[in-house]
Amino acid sequence: MQLGYKRYTGQVIEPTGLRARKKARTHDAIADAAISLFLAHGFDRVSINDIAAAAEVSKPTLFRYFPTKEDLVLHRFADHNGEAARVVRDREPGVPPVTALHRHFRAGLDRHEPVTGLNDHPQVVAFHRLVFTTPSLAGRLTQYMLEDEDALAGTLGTGIEARLRAAQVLAVQRVLARTNWQKIADGRSALDVHPEAVADADQAFAQL
């Protein structure tokens, strides 16, 4: 079973062309094998050799698709790279950037998108636990966030004010998502947490 964010949001995008589809299948097979092993045994206890054997590919083939072990996990976030910047660029005329970002996050909550933390599929909950509790993954995820911060700042203007605003927005989204995930990890359902998640998001974005 593929543990990708697109599968749970219904945003599956199929590659075109036989070669592209074959590469996509190999990519997904490697990633699925890796995630299954990581969830079963822990990130640090699984070797690249274990993953290659489970996916029935060679190590050189694996590294062509995933340059590092961390990439086997964090490529799941690639669909959302630069998302905040895109939301600001594509907003309707007259809509302030923070309002557009607030609406986008609220819409993600309503769709129970995993990136908002408000998704109670067992594998999504376990996947987030893997990321949050593995230091090397948490460190690499911070790098992803810094790249998103740079992209968002570039759409908000120039100078320190734009960078501070971008950092604040992404920090709010990170805290909200982590809070939602923790409530679900503690045993509550996404449906039960949803009203609180909406209220928290409204309060947090109102303070920006």
N, C-alpha and C. Protein backbone atom coordinates (compact mmCIF):
# COMPACT_ATOMS: atom_id res chain seq x y z
N MET A 1 0.85 -1.20 0.00
CA MET A 1 0.00 0.00 0.00
C MET A 1 0.88 1.24 0.00
N GLN A 2 0.66 2.12 -0.94
CA GLN A 2 1.49 3.30 -1.05
C GLN A 2 1.14 4.31 0.02
N LEU A 3 2.14 4.77 0.75
CA LEU A 3 1.92 5.76 1.80
C LEU A 3 2.31 7.12 1.26
N GLY A 4 1.54 7.65 0.36
CA GLY A 4 1.83 8.97 -0.19
C GLY A 4 0.72 9.93 0.16
N TYR A 5 1.04 11.18 0.35
CA TYR A 5 0.03 12.17 0.69
C TYR A 5 -1.03 12.26 -0.39
N LYS A 6 -0.65 12.14 -1.64
CA LYS A 6 -1.63 12.28 -2.72
C LYS A 6 -2.69 11.20 -2.65
N ARG A 7 -2.31 10.01 -2.21
CA ARG A 7 -3.30 8.93 -2.14
C ARG A 7 -4.41 9.30 -1.18
N TYR A 8 -4.09 9.95 -0.09
CA TYR A 8 -5.10 10.26 0.92
C TYR A 8 -5.87 11.53 0.61
N THR A 9 -5.38 12.38 -0.30
CA THR A 9 -6.10 13.60 -0.65
C THR A 9 -6.81 13.46 -1.97
N GLY A 10 -6.64 12.31 -2.65
CA GLY A 10 -7.31 12.11 -3.91
C GLY A 10 -6.66 12.83 -5.06
N GLN A 11 -5.41 13.29 -4.89
CA GLN A 11 -4.75 14.07 -5.90
C GLN A 11 -3.71 13.24 -6.66
N VAL A 12 -4.07 12.03 -7.03
CA VAL A 12 -3.14 11.15 -7.72
C VAL A 12 -2.90 11.65 -9.14
N ILE A 13 -1.64 11.81 -9.49
CA ILE A 13 -1.27 12.27 -10.81
C ILE A 13 -0.48 11.17 -11.49
N GLU A 14 -1.02 10.59 -12.53
CA GLU A 14 -0.37 9.50 -13.22
C GLU A 14 0.59 10.03 -14.28
N PRO A 15 1.83 9.52 -14.32
CA PRO A 15 2.76 9.94 -15.36
C PRO A 15 2.32 9.42 -16.72
N THR A 16 2.71 10.13 -17.76
CA THR A 16 2.38 9.72 -19.12
C THR A 16 3.59 9.11 -19.78
N GLY A 17 3.37 8.16 -20.71
CA GLY A 17 4.47 7.50 -21.40
C GLY A 17 4.89 6.24 -20.68
N LEU A 18 5.20 5.21 -21.46
CA LEU A 18 5.56 3.92 -20.89
C LEU A 18 6.79 4.01 -20.00
N ARG A 19 7.82 4.70 -20.47
CA ARG A 19 9.05 4.80 -19.69
C ARG A 19 8.81 5.54 -18.37
N ALA A 20 8.04 6.62 -18.44
CA ALA A 20 7.75 7.39 -17.23
C ALA A 20 6.96 6.56 -16.23
N ARG A 21 6.00 5.78 -16.74
CA ARG A 21 5.20 4.94 -15.84
C ARG A 21 6.06 3.86 -15.19
N LYS A 22 6.98 3.29 -15.97
CA LYS A 22 7.86 2.26 -15.42
C LYS A 22 8.76 2.85 -14.33
N LYS A 23 9.30 4.04 -14.58
CA LYS A 23 10.14 4.69 -13.57
C LYS A 23 9.33 5.02 -12.32
N ALA A 24 8.09 5.46 -12.53
CA ALA A 24 7.24 5.79 -11.40
C ALA A 24 6.94 4.55 -10.56
N ARG A 25 6.71 3.42 -11.23
CA ARG A 25 6.44 2.17 -10.50
C ARG A 25 7.66 1.74 -9.70
N THR A 26 8.83 1.86 -10.30
CA THR A 26 10.05 1.50 -9.57
C THR A 26 10.27 2.43 -8.38
N HIS A 27 10.07 3.71 -8.61
CA HIS A 27 10.19 4.70 -7.54
C HIS A 27 9.25 4.36 -6.38
N ASP A 28 7.99 4.08 -6.70
CA ASP A 28 7.01 3.78 -5.67
C ASP A 28 7.30 2.46 -4.97
N ALA A 29 7.79 1.48 -5.72
CA ALA A 29 8.10 0.18 -5.12
C ALA A 29 9.22 0.31 -4.10
N ILE A 30 10.24 1.09 -4.45
CA ILE A 30 11.36 1.29 -3.52
C ILE A 30 10.87 2.04 -2.28
N ALA A 31 10.12 3.12 -2.52
CA ALA A 31 9.64 3.93 -1.40
C ALA A 31 8.70 3.13 -0.49
N ASP A 32 7.80 2.36 -1.08
CA ASP A 32 6.87 1.58 -0.28
C ASP A 32 7.59 0.53 0.56
N ALA A 33 8.59 -0.11 -0.05
CA ALA A 33 9.36 -1.11 0.69
C ALA A 33 10.09 -0.47 1.85
N ALA A 34 10.67 0.71 1.59
CA ALA A 34 11.41 1.41 2.64
C ALA A 34 10.50 1.81 3.79
N ILE A 35 9.37 2.43 3.47
CA ILE A 35 8.46 2.89 4.52
C ILE A 35 7.94 1.72 5.35
N SER A 36 7.60 0.62 4.68
CA SER A 36 7.12 -0.56 5.40
C SER A 36 8.16 -1.07 6.39
N LEU A 37 9.40 -1.12 5.95
CA LEU A 37 10.48 -1.58 6.82
C LEU A 37 10.73 -0.59 7.96
N PHE A 38 10.73 0.70 7.64
CA PHE A 38 10.96 1.71 8.67
C PHE A 38 9.88 1.67 9.74
N LEU A 39 8.63 1.53 9.32
CA LEU A 39 7.53 1.51 10.27
C LEU A 39 7.57 0.24 11.13
N ALA A 40 8.04 -0.85 10.55
CA ALA A 40 8.08 -2.12 11.28
C ALA A 40 9.27 -2.21 12.23
N HIS A 41 10.42 -1.63 11.81
CA HIS A 41 11.66 -1.87 12.58
C HIS A 41 12.34 -0.61 13.09
N GLY A 42 11.91 0.55 12.61
CA GLY A 42 12.58 1.79 12.99
C GLY A 42 13.57 2.23 11.92
N PHE A 43 13.71 3.53 11.76
CA PHE A 43 14.54 4.07 10.69
C PHE A 43 15.99 3.62 10.80
N ASP A 44 16.55 3.70 12.00
CA ASP A 44 17.98 3.43 12.18
C ASP A 44 18.33 1.94 12.12
N ARG A 45 17.34 1.08 12.25
CA ARG A 45 17.61 -0.36 12.25
C ARG A 45 17.50 -0.99 10.87
N VAL A 46 17.10 -0.21 9.90
CA VAL A 46 16.94 -0.73 8.53
C VAL A 46 18.07 -0.19 7.67
N SER A 47 18.74 -1.09 6.95
CA SER A 47 19.86 -0.68 6.10
C SER A 47 19.40 -0.50 4.65
N ILE A 48 20.24 0.17 3.90
CA ILE A 48 19.97 0.33 2.47
C ILE A 48 19.93 -1.05 1.80
N ASN A 49 20.78 -1.96 2.23
CA ASN A 49 20.75 -3.32 1.68
C ASN A 49 19.40 -3.99 1.92
N ASP A 50 18.84 -3.78 3.12
CA ASP A 50 17.53 -4.36 3.44
C ASP A 50 16.47 -3.83 2.48
N ILE A 51 16.51 -2.53 2.24
CA ILE A 51 15.50 -1.90 1.38
C ILE A 51 15.65 -2.38 -0.06
N ALA A 52 16.87 -2.41 -0.55
CA ALA A 52 17.11 -2.86 -1.93
C ALA A 52 16.63 -4.29 -2.11
N ALA A 53 16.90 -5.14 -1.13
CA ALA A 53 16.47 -6.52 -1.23
C ALA A 53 14.95 -6.63 -1.22
N ALA A 54 14.29 -5.86 -0.36
CA ALA A 54 12.84 -5.92 -0.28
C ALA A 54 12.18 -5.40 -1.56
N ALA A 55 12.80 -4.39 -2.18
CA ALA A 55 12.25 -3.82 -3.41
C ALA A 55 12.71 -4.56 -4.66
N GLU A 56 13.64 -5.51 -4.47
CA GLU A 56 14.19 -6.30 -5.57
C GLU A 56 14.87 -5.42 -6.61
N VAL A 57 15.70 -4.49 -6.11
CA VAL A 57 16.51 -3.65 -6.99
C VAL A 57 17.93 -3.65 -6.44
N SER A 58 18.87 -3.20 -7.25
CA SER A 58 20.25 -3.09 -6.80
C SER A 58 20.44 -1.79 -6.02
N LYS A 59 21.51 -1.72 -5.23
CA LYS A 59 21.79 -0.48 -4.50
C LYS A 59 22.02 0.70 -5.45
N PRO A 60 22.78 0.53 -6.55
CA PRO A 60 22.92 1.66 -7.48
C PRO A 60 21.58 2.15 -8.03
N THR A 61 20.67 1.22 -8.31
CA THR A 61 19.35 1.63 -8.79
C THR A 61 18.62 2.42 -7.71
N LEU A 62 18.67 1.94 -6.48
CA LEU A 62 18.01 2.65 -5.38
C LEU A 62 18.55 4.07 -5.26
N PHE A 63 19.85 4.23 -5.34
CA PHE A 63 20.44 5.56 -5.16
C PHE A 63 20.17 6.48 -6.34
N ARG A 64 19.84 5.92 -7.49
CA ARG A 64 19.45 6.78 -8.62
C ARG A 64 18.12 7.45 -8.34
N TYR A 65 17.28 6.79 -7.57
CA TYR A 65 15.96 7.35 -7.26
C TYR A 65 15.99 8.15 -5.96
N PHE A 66 16.78 7.71 -5.01
CA PHE A 66 16.83 8.35 -3.70
C PHE A 66 18.28 8.51 -3.27
N PRO A 67 18.85 9.71 -3.38
CA PRO A 67 20.26 9.93 -3.08
C PRO A 67 20.67 9.62 -1.64
N THR A 68 19.74 9.79 -0.69
CA THR A 68 20.05 9.51 0.71
C THR A 68 18.95 8.66 1.33
N LYS A 69 19.28 8.06 2.45
CA LYS A 69 18.31 7.25 3.17
C LYS A 69 17.13 8.11 3.63
N GLU A 70 17.41 9.33 4.07
CA GLU A 70 16.34 10.22 4.52
C GLU A 70 15.36 10.55 3.39
N ASP A 71 15.88 10.62 2.17
CA ASP A 71 15.00 10.93 1.03
C ASP A 71 13.94 9.86 0.82
N LEU A 72 14.21 8.64 1.24
CA LEU A 72 13.23 7.57 1.12
C LEU A 72 11.96 7.86 1.91
N VAL A 73 12.09 8.68 2.93
CA VAL A 73 10.94 9.06 3.75
C VAL A 73 10.41 10.43 3.35
N LEU A 74 11.31 11.41 3.29
CA LEU A 74 10.86 12.79 3.18
C LEU A 74 10.45 13.21 1.78
N HIS A 75 10.67 12.35 0.79
CA HIS A 75 10.15 12.71 -0.53
C HIS A 75 8.62 12.79 -0.50
N ARG A 76 8.01 12.20 0.54
CA ARG A 76 6.55 12.27 0.68
C ARG A 76 6.08 13.71 0.84
N PHE A 77 6.97 14.57 1.32
CA PHE A 77 6.61 15.97 1.49
C PHE A 77 6.85 16.80 0.24
N ALA A 78 7.41 16.20 -0.80
CA ALA A 78 7.79 16.95 -1.99
C ALA A 78 6.60 17.63 -2.66
N ASP A 79 5.42 17.00 -2.58
CA ASP A 79 4.22 17.58 -3.20
C ASP A 79 3.90 18.96 -2.62
N HIS A 80 4.39 19.22 -1.41
CA HIS A 80 4.05 20.47 -0.74
C HIS A 80 5.20 21.47 -0.72
N ASN A 81 6.32 21.12 -1.35
CA ASN A 81 7.44 22.07 -1.41
C ASN A 81 7.01 23.34 -2.13
N GLY A 82 7.24 24.48 -1.51
CA GLY A 82 6.88 25.75 -2.14
C GLY A 82 5.39 26.03 -2.17
N GLU A 83 4.61 25.25 -1.45
CA GLU A 83 3.15 25.39 -1.51
C GLU A 83 2.69 26.75 -1.01
N ALA A 84 3.25 27.21 0.10
CA ALA A 84 2.84 28.49 0.65
C ALA A 84 3.10 29.62 -0.34
N ALA A 85 4.25 29.57 -0.99
CA ALA A 85 4.57 30.59 -1.99
C ALA A 85 3.59 30.54 -3.15
N ARG A 86 3.21 29.34 -3.58
CA ARG A 86 2.24 29.21 -4.68
C ARG A 86 0.88 29.76 -4.28
N VAL A 87 0.48 29.51 -3.04
CA VAL A 87 -0.81 30.02 -2.58
C VAL A 87 -0.83 31.55 -2.65
N VAL A 88 0.25 32.17 -2.23
CA VAL A 88 0.32 33.64 -2.25
C VAL A 88 0.34 34.16 -3.69
N ARG A 89 1.12 33.51 -4.55
CA ARG A 89 1.19 33.97 -5.94
C ARG A 89 -0.15 33.83 -6.66
N ASP A 90 -0.89 32.76 -6.34
CA ASP A 90 -2.12 32.45 -7.08
C ASP A 90 -3.38 33.01 -6.42
N ARG A 91 -3.25 33.78 -5.36
CA ARG A 91 -4.43 34.27 -4.65
C ARG A 91 -5.22 35.24 -5.53
N GLU A 92 -6.50 35.39 -5.20
CA GLU A 92 -7.38 36.29 -5.93
C GLU A 92 -6.97 37.75 -5.67
N PRO A 93 -7.20 38.62 -6.65
CA PRO A 93 -6.88 40.05 -6.44
C PRO A 93 -7.61 40.60 -5.22
N GLY A 94 -6.88 41.38 -4.43
CA GLY A 94 -7.48 41.99 -3.26
C GLY A 94 -7.43 41.16 -2.00
N VAL A 95 -7.01 39.89 -2.11
CA VAL A 95 -6.93 39.01 -0.94
C VAL A 95 -5.54 39.13 -0.32
N PRO A 96 -5.42 39.53 0.93
CA PRO A 96 -4.11 39.62 1.58
C PRO A 96 -3.42 38.25 1.64
N PRO A 97 -2.09 38.22 1.58
CA PRO A 97 -1.37 36.94 1.59
C PRO A 97 -1.72 36.05 2.78
N VAL A 98 -1.77 36.62 3.98
CA VAL A 98 -2.06 35.80 5.17
C VAL A 98 -3.47 35.24 5.11
N THR A 99 -4.41 36.01 4.59
CA THR A 99 -5.78 35.52 4.44
C THR A 99 -5.82 34.33 3.49
N ALA A 100 -5.09 34.43 2.38
CA ALA A 100 -5.05 33.33 1.41
C ALA A 100 -4.45 32.08 2.05
N LEU A 101 -3.40 32.25 2.83
CA LEU A 101 -2.75 31.12 3.49
C LEU A 101 -3.66 30.51 4.55
N HIS A 102 -4.37 31.36 5.27
CA HIS A 102 -5.33 30.89 6.27
C HIS A 102 -6.42 30.06 5.61
N ARG A 103 -6.99 30.56 4.54
CA ARG A 103 -8.05 29.83 3.84
C ARG A 103 -7.54 28.50 3.30
N HIS A 104 -6.32 28.51 2.81
CA HIS A 104 -5.74 27.27 2.25
C HIS A 104 -5.56 26.23 3.35
N PHE A 105 -5.07 26.65 4.51
CA PHE A 105 -4.89 25.71 5.62
C PHE A 105 -6.23 25.18 6.10
N ARG A 106 -7.23 26.06 6.21
CA ARG A 106 -8.56 25.65 6.62
C ARG A 106 -9.15 24.63 5.64
N ALA A 107 -8.94 24.86 4.34
CA ALA A 107 -9.44 23.91 3.34
C ALA A 107 -8.74 22.56 3.50
N GLY A 108 -7.46 22.58 3.83
CA GLY A 108 -6.73 21.33 4.07
C GLY A 108 -7.27 20.58 5.27
N LEU A 109 -7.66 21.30 6.30
CA LEU A 109 -8.29 20.67 7.47
C LEU A 109 -9.60 20.01 7.07
N ASP A 110 -10.39 20.70 6.27
CA ASP A 110 -11.68 20.14 5.86
C ASP A 110 -11.51 18.88 5.03
N ARG A 111 -10.39 18.80 4.29
CA ARG A 111 -10.12 17.61 3.46
C ARG A 111 -9.32 16.56 4.22
N HIS A 112 -8.97 16.87 5.47
CA HIS A 112 -8.17 15.96 6.30
C HIS A 112 -6.84 15.63 5.61
N GLU A 113 -6.22 16.65 5.04
CA GLU A 113 -4.94 16.42 4.37
C GLU A 113 -3.87 16.07 5.41
N PRO A 114 -3.07 15.05 5.16
CA PRO A 114 -2.05 14.65 6.12
C PRO A 114 -1.10 15.77 6.53
N VAL A 115 -0.80 16.68 5.60
CA VAL A 115 0.15 17.74 5.92
C VAL A 115 -0.36 18.66 7.02
N THR A 116 -1.68 18.69 7.27
CA THR A 116 -2.23 19.49 8.36
C THR A 116 -2.20 18.75 9.69
N GLY A 117 -1.79 17.49 9.67
CA GLY A 117 -1.79 16.67 10.87
C GLY A 117 -3.15 16.08 11.20
N LEU A 118 -4.20 16.51 10.48
CA LEU A 118 -5.57 16.08 10.80
C LEU A 118 -5.98 14.91 9.91
N ASN A 119 -5.29 13.80 10.06
CA ASN A 119 -5.60 12.60 9.31
C ASN A 119 -5.35 11.40 10.22
N ASP A 120 -6.38 10.59 10.40
CA ASP A 120 -6.26 9.49 11.36
C ASP A 120 -6.06 8.13 10.71
N HIS A 121 -5.67 8.11 9.43
CA HIS A 121 -5.31 6.83 8.84
C HIS A 121 -4.12 6.27 9.62
N PRO A 122 -4.17 5.03 10.06
CA PRO A 122 -3.10 4.50 10.93
C PRO A 122 -1.70 4.64 10.34
N GLN A 123 -1.56 4.45 9.03
CA GLN A 123 -0.23 4.57 8.46
C GLN A 123 0.24 6.02 8.39
N VAL A 124 -0.68 6.94 8.22
CA VAL A 124 -0.30 8.35 8.23
C VAL A 124 0.16 8.75 9.63
N VAL A 125 -0.57 8.33 10.65
CA VAL A 125 -0.19 8.63 12.03
C VAL A 125 1.17 8.02 12.34
N ALA A 126 1.39 6.79 11.92
CA ALA A 126 2.67 6.13 12.17
C ALA A 126 3.79 6.80 11.38
N PHE A 127 3.51 7.22 10.17
CA PHE A 127 4.50 7.90 9.35
C PHE A 127 4.97 9.20 10.03
N HIS A 128 4.03 9.98 10.53
CA HIS A 128 4.40 11.21 11.20
C HIS A 128 5.19 10.93 12.48
N ARG A 129 4.81 9.88 13.20
CA ARG A 129 5.57 9.52 14.40
C ARG A 129 7.01 9.18 14.02
N LEU A 130 7.19 8.46 12.92
CA LEU A 130 8.53 8.12 12.44
C LEU A 130 9.34 9.38 12.17
N VAL A 131 8.74 10.34 11.48
CA VAL A 131 9.46 11.57 11.13
C VAL A 131 9.77 12.39 12.38
N PHE A 132 8.79 12.56 13.24
CA PHE A 132 8.97 13.44 14.40
C PHE A 132 9.93 12.87 15.43
N THR A 133 10.07 11.55 15.50
CA THR A 133 10.88 10.94 16.55
C THR A 133 12.24 10.45 16.08
N THR A 134 12.56 10.66 14.81
CA THR A 134 13.87 10.26 14.28
C THR A 134 14.69 11.51 14.03
N PRO A 135 15.76 11.73 14.81
CA PRO A 135 16.51 12.99 14.71
C PRO A 135 16.99 13.34 13.30
N SER A 136 17.51 12.37 12.57
CA SER A 136 18.04 12.68 11.24
C SER A 136 16.92 13.10 10.29
N LEU A 137 15.74 12.54 10.46
CA LEU A 137 14.60 12.93 9.62
C LEU A 137 14.09 14.31 10.02
N ALA A 138 14.01 14.56 11.31
CA ALA A 138 13.56 15.87 11.78
C ALA A 138 14.51 16.96 11.32
N GLY A 139 15.81 16.66 11.32
CA GLY A 139 16.79 17.63 10.86
C GLY A 139 16.65 17.93 9.38
N ARG A 140 16.46 16.89 8.58
CA ARG A 140 16.30 17.10 7.15
C ARG A 140 14.99 17.83 6.86
N LEU A 141 13.95 17.55 7.63
CA LEU A 141 12.68 18.23 7.43
C LEU A 141 12.83 19.74 7.70
N THR A 142 13.69 20.09 8.66
CA THR A 142 13.96 21.49 8.92
C THR A 142 14.54 22.18 7.69
N GLN A 143 15.39 21.47 6.95
CA GLN A 143 15.95 22.03 5.73
C GLN A 143 14.86 22.28 4.69
N TYR A 144 13.93 21.36 4.58
CA TYR A 144 12.80 21.56 3.68
C TYR A 144 12.04 22.83 4.07
N MET A 145 11.84 23.04 5.36
CA MET A 145 11.10 24.19 5.82
C MET A 145 11.83 25.49 5.54
N LEU A 146 13.15 25.47 5.65
CA LEU A 146 13.93 26.67 5.35
C LEU A 146 13.83 27.03 3.88
N GLU A 147 13.80 26.02 3.02
CA GLU A 147 13.62 26.28 1.59
C GLU A 147 12.25 26.88 1.32
N ASP A 148 11.22 26.35 2.00
CA ASP A 148 9.88 26.90 1.85
C ASP A 148 9.82 28.33 2.37
N GLU A 149 10.55 28.58 3.44
CA GLU A 149 10.58 29.93 4.01
C GLU A 149 11.19 30.92 3.02
N ASP A 150 12.27 30.52 2.38
CA ASP A 150 12.89 31.38 1.37
C ASP A 150 11.93 31.68 0.23
N ALA A 151 11.23 30.64 -0.23
CA ALA A 151 10.31 30.82 -1.35
C ALA A 151 9.15 31.73 -0.96
N LEU A 152 8.60 31.54 0.24
CA LEU A 152 7.48 32.37 0.67
C LEU A 152 7.92 33.81 0.87
N ALA A 153 9.08 34.01 1.47
CA ALA A 153 9.57 35.37 1.68
C ALA A 153 9.71 36.12 0.36
N GLY A 154 10.13 35.39 -0.67
CA GLY A 154 10.29 36.01 -1.98
C GLY A 154 8.99 36.50 -2.57
N THR A 155 7.87 35.89 -2.18
CA THR A 155 6.56 36.33 -2.69
C THR A 155 5.95 37.44 -1.84
N LEU A 156 6.47 37.61 -0.63
CA LEU A 156 5.90 38.60 0.28
C LEU A 156 6.58 39.96 0.18
N GLY A 157 7.75 40.00 -0.44
CA GLY A 157 8.46 41.26 -0.57
C GLY A 157 9.94 41.07 -0.39
N THR A 158 10.61 42.12 0.06
CA THR A 158 12.05 42.08 0.28
C THR A 158 12.36 42.56 1.69
N GLY A 159 13.55 42.22 2.14
CA GLY A 159 13.98 42.70 3.44
C GLY A 159 13.57 41.82 4.59
N ILE A 160 13.90 42.28 5.78
CA ILE A 160 13.70 41.48 6.98
C ILE A 160 12.22 41.28 7.30
N GLU A 161 11.37 42.26 6.97
CA GLU A 161 9.95 42.11 7.27
C GLU A 161 9.34 40.92 6.54
N ALA A 162 9.68 40.73 5.26
CA ALA A 162 9.16 39.61 4.49
C ALA A 162 9.66 38.28 5.05
N ARG A 163 10.92 38.25 5.45
CA ARG A 163 11.47 37.01 5.98
C ARG A 163 10.85 36.66 7.33
N LEU A 164 10.63 37.68 8.16
CA LEU A 164 10.00 37.42 9.45
C LEU A 164 8.57 36.93 9.28
N ARG A 165 7.82 37.55 8.35
CA ARG A 165 6.45 37.13 8.12
C ARG A 165 6.40 35.69 7.60
N ALA A 166 7.31 35.34 6.68
CA ALA A 166 7.35 33.98 6.14
C ALA A 166 7.65 32.97 7.25
N ALA A 167 8.61 33.30 8.09
CA ALA A 167 8.97 32.40 9.18
C ALA A 167 7.81 32.22 10.15
N GLN A 168 7.09 33.29 10.42
CA GLN A 168 5.96 33.22 11.34
C GLN A 168 4.85 32.33 10.77
N VAL A 169 4.55 32.51 9.50
CA VAL A 169 3.48 31.71 8.87
C VAL A 169 3.82 30.23 8.93
N LEU A 170 5.03 29.88 8.53
CA LEU A 170 5.41 28.47 8.49
C LEU A 170 5.51 27.87 9.89
N ALA A 171 5.93 28.69 10.85
CA ALA A 171 5.96 28.20 12.24
C ALA A 171 4.55 27.91 12.73
N VAL A 172 3.60 28.78 12.39
CA VAL A 172 2.20 28.56 12.78
C VAL A 172 1.68 27.26 12.17
N GLN A 173 1.94 27.06 10.89
CA GLN A 173 1.46 25.84 10.23
C GLN A 173 2.09 24.60 10.85
N ARG A 174 3.38 24.70 11.18
CA ARG A 174 4.07 23.55 11.77
C ARG A 174 3.50 23.21 13.14
N VAL A 175 3.28 24.23 13.97
CA VAL A 175 2.74 23.99 15.31
C VAL A 175 1.32 23.44 15.25
N LEU A 176 0.52 24.01 14.36
CA LEU A 176 -0.86 23.52 14.22
C LEU A 176 -0.88 22.06 13.78
N ALA A 177 -0.07 21.72 12.80
CA ALA A 177 -0.04 20.34 12.29
C ALA A 177 0.44 19.38 13.37
N ARG A 178 1.49 19.76 14.08
CA ARG A 178 2.02 18.89 15.13
C ARG A 178 0.99 18.70 16.25
N THR A 179 0.27 19.77 16.60
CA THR A 179 -0.76 19.69 17.63
C THR A 179 -1.89 18.76 17.21
N ASN A 180 -2.33 18.90 15.96
CA ASN A 180 -3.40 18.02 15.46
C ASN A 180 -2.95 16.56 15.47
N TRP A 181 -1.74 16.33 14.99
CA TRP A 181 -1.23 14.94 14.96
C TRP A 181 -1.16 14.36 16.37
N GLN A 182 -0.68 15.14 17.34
CA GLN A 182 -0.52 14.62 18.69
C GLN A 182 -1.86 14.21 19.28
N LYS A 183 -2.90 15.00 19.03
CA LYS A 183 -4.22 14.64 19.54
C LYS A 183 -4.71 13.32 18.93
N ILE A 184 -4.46 13.14 17.65
CA ILE A 184 -4.88 11.90 17.00
C ILE A 184 -4.00 10.74 17.46
N ALA A 185 -2.70 10.99 17.63
CA ALA A 185 -1.81 9.94 18.12
C ALA A 185 -2.19 9.50 19.52
N ASP A 186 -2.83 10.39 20.26
CA ASP A 186 -3.29 10.06 21.62
C ASP A 186 -4.60 9.27 21.61
N GLY A 187 -5.15 9.03 20.42
CA GLY A 187 -6.31 8.14 20.33
C GLY A 187 -7.60 8.76 19.85
N ARG A 188 -7.61 10.06 19.55
CA ARG A 188 -8.82 10.70 19.09
C ARG A 188 -8.95 10.59 17.57
N SER A 189 -10.17 10.75 17.06
CA SER A 189 -10.38 10.67 15.62
C SER A 189 -10.22 12.05 14.99
N ALA A 190 -9.95 12.06 13.69
CA ALA A 190 -9.82 13.32 12.97
C ALA A 190 -11.13 14.10 13.01
N LEU A 191 -12.25 13.39 12.93
CA LEU A 191 -13.55 14.04 12.97
C LEU A 191 -13.76 14.74 14.31
N ASP A 192 -13.33 14.10 15.38
CA ASP A 192 -13.50 14.66 16.72
C ASP A 192 -12.60 15.89 16.91
N VAL A 193 -11.38 15.83 16.36
CA VAL A 193 -10.41 16.91 16.55
C VAL A 193 -10.70 18.10 15.64
N HIS A 194 -11.41 17.87 14.54
CA HIS A 194 -11.59 18.90 13.51
C HIS A 194 -12.06 20.25 14.05
N PRO A 195 -13.12 20.34 14.88
CA PRO A 195 -13.55 21.66 15.37
C PRO A 195 -12.45 22.40 16.13
N GLU A 196 -11.68 21.67 16.93
CA GLU A 196 -10.59 22.30 17.67
C GLU A 196 -9.49 22.76 16.72
N ALA A 197 -9.22 21.96 15.71
CA ALA A 197 -8.19 22.31 14.74
C ALA A 197 -8.56 23.59 13.99
N VAL A 198 -9.82 23.71 13.64
CA VAL A 198 -10.30 24.92 12.95
C VAL A 198 -10.18 26.13 13.87
N ALA A 199 -10.61 25.98 15.10
CA ALA A 199 -10.54 27.10 16.06
C ALA A 199 -9.09 27.51 16.31
N ASP A 200 -8.19 26.52 16.44
CA ASP A 200 -6.78 26.83 16.65
C ASP A 200 -6.20 27.57 15.45
N ALA A 201 -6.56 27.12 14.25
CA ALA A 201 -6.04 27.77 13.04
C ALA A 201 -6.54 29.20 12.95
N ASP A 202 -7.82 29.41 13.24
CA ASP A 202 -8.39 30.76 13.18
C ASP A 202 -7.68 31.68 14.17
N GLN A 203 -7.46 31.19 15.38
CA GLN A 203 -6.79 31.99 16.39
C GLN A 203 -5.35 32.30 16.01
N ALA A 204 -4.65 31.30 15.52
CA ALA A 204 -3.24 31.47 15.19
C ALA A 204 -3.03 32.44 14.02
N PHE A 205 -3.81 32.27 12.96
CA PHE A 205 -3.65 33.16 11.82
C PHE A 205 -4.12 34.57 12.12
N ALA A 206 -5.07 34.72 13.05
CA ALA A 206 -5.53 36.06 13.43
C ALA A 206 -4.43 36.86 14.10
N GLN A 207 -3.46 36.16 14.69
CA GLN A 207 -2.38 36.84 15.40
C GLN A 207 -1.22 37.20 14.49
N LEU A 208 -1.25 36.78 13.24
CA LEU A 208 -0.16 37.08 12.32
C LEU A 208 -0.31 38.51 11.77
